[in-house]
Amino acid sequence: MQKHVSSEVMSLSPIVYSFGKMIIDGKIYNRDVKIIQDKVVPNWWREQGHFLQIQDVQDILDYHPDILIIGTGALGIMKVSPELLTFLKK
């Protein structure tokens, strides 16, 4: 099943997602990515696998985004650390 993610807040075209594959601006990605403003950072991996911590997204936070979208993957495996959640609520 493919999902389309609106990218109204970015100048990127809509993102198409299915298990193990994302299409962003017509380019296929088969590994995790980060999008920082209009830049796609491919082959992204966290310090502790599927456990997201502040240091994993510090480069995004440095831009002081109004919105941070965290994908949990097709199976919902990605978990967010309590410290990151607390930081984001500030």
Protein backbone atom coordinates (compact mmCIF):
# COMPACT_ATOMS: atom_id res chain seq x y z
CA MET A 1 0.00 0.00 0.00
CA GLN A 2 1.41 3.38 -0.97
CA LYS A 3 0.85 6.51 1.04
CA HIS A 4 1.13 10.05 -0.25
CA VAL A 5 2.41 12.65 2.19
CA SER A 6 1.61 16.27 1.49
CA SER A 7 4.62 18.49 1.39
CA GLU A 8 2.81 21.82 1.47
CA VAL A 9 5.25 23.20 4.02
CA MET A 10 8.20 22.37 1.78
CA SER A 11 8.99 23.09 -1.84
CA LEU A 12 9.44 19.36 -2.46
CA SER A 13 6.88 17.47 -4.49
CA PRO A 14 4.55 15.11 -2.58
CA ILE A 15 6.32 12.15 -1.00
CA VAL A 16 5.21 8.64 -1.97
CA TYR A 17 5.85 5.97 0.66
CA SER A 18 5.52 2.21 0.69
CA PHE A 19 7.34 -0.36 2.81
CA GLY A 20 11.07 -0.01 2.18
CA LYS A 21 10.71 2.75 -0.40
CA MET A 22 10.13 6.49 -0.54
CA ILE A 23 9.93 8.64 -3.63
CA ILE A 24 10.84 12.28 -2.99
CA ASP A 25 11.04 14.72 -5.90
CA GLY A 26 11.11 11.76 -8.28
CA LYS A 27 14.12 10.12 -6.61
CA ILE A 28 13.77 6.68 -5.01
CA TYR A 29 15.16 6.11 -1.51
CA ASN A 30 15.38 2.62 -0.01
CA ARG A 31 16.80 3.67 3.35
CA ASP A 32 15.74 6.15 6.02
CA VAL A 33 16.04 9.84 5.23
CA LYS A 34 15.87 13.15 7.04
CA ILE A 35 14.46 16.21 5.35
CA ILE A 36 15.96 19.44 6.61
CA GLN A 37 14.17 22.38 5.07
CA ASP A 38 14.28 21.47 1.35
CA LYS A 39 17.29 19.13 1.56
CA VAL A 40 16.99 15.34 1.67
CA VAL A 41 19.68 13.65 3.78
CA PRO A 42 19.80 10.03 2.56
CA ASN A 43 20.91 6.85 4.36
CA TRP A 44 20.15 8.26 7.79
CA TRP A 45 20.58 6.07 10.82
CA ARG A 46 20.15 6.79 14.51
CA GLU A 47 22.64 6.17 17.29
CA GLN A 48 20.41 3.45 18.73
CA GLY A 49 18.59 1.96 15.77
CA HIS A 50 14.85 2.56 15.98
CA PHE A 51 15.08 4.75 19.09
CA LEU A 52 15.06 8.46 18.24
CA GLN A 53 17.02 10.79 20.54
CA ILE A 54 17.80 14.52 20.55
CA GLN A 55 21.25 14.03 19.03
CA ASP A 56 19.70 12.16 16.09
CA VAL A 57 17.73 15.22 15.03
CA GLN A 58 19.87 18.04 16.42
CA ASP A 59 20.70 19.23 12.89
CA ILE A 60 16.96 19.62 12.23
CA LEU A 61 16.32 21.31 15.58
CA ASP A 62 19.07 23.85 14.86
CA TYR A 63 16.69 25.34 12.24
CA HIS A 64 13.98 25.84 14.92
CA PRO A 65 11.22 24.24 12.83
CA ASP A 66 7.59 24.96 13.62
CA ILE A 67 6.76 21.36 12.75
CA LEU A 68 8.75 18.15 13.18
CA ILE A 69 7.32 15.08 11.52
CA ILE A 70 8.66 11.76 12.79
CA GLY A 71 7.85 8.72 10.71
CA THR A 72 7.57 5.50 12.66
CA GLY A 73 7.96 3.25 9.63
CA ALA A 74 5.45 0.84 8.13
CA LEU A 75 5.49 -1.37 11.22
CA GLY A 76 5.58 1.46 13.78
CA ILE A 77 8.92 0.34 15.15
CA MET A 78 10.48 3.80 15.65
CA LYS A 79 10.19 5.02 19.23
CA VAL A 80 10.91 8.53 20.49
CA SER A 81 12.94 9.03 23.65
CA PRO A 82 11.19 10.69 26.60
CA GLU A 83 13.95 13.34 26.61
CA LEU A 84 13.23 14.30 23.01
CA LEU A 85 9.49 14.46 23.69
CA THR A 86 10.09 16.72 26.69
CA PHE A 87 12.42 18.93 24.66
CA LEU A 88 9.90 19.26 21.84
CA LYS A 89 7.11 20.24 24.23
CA LYS A 90 9.09 23.31 25.39
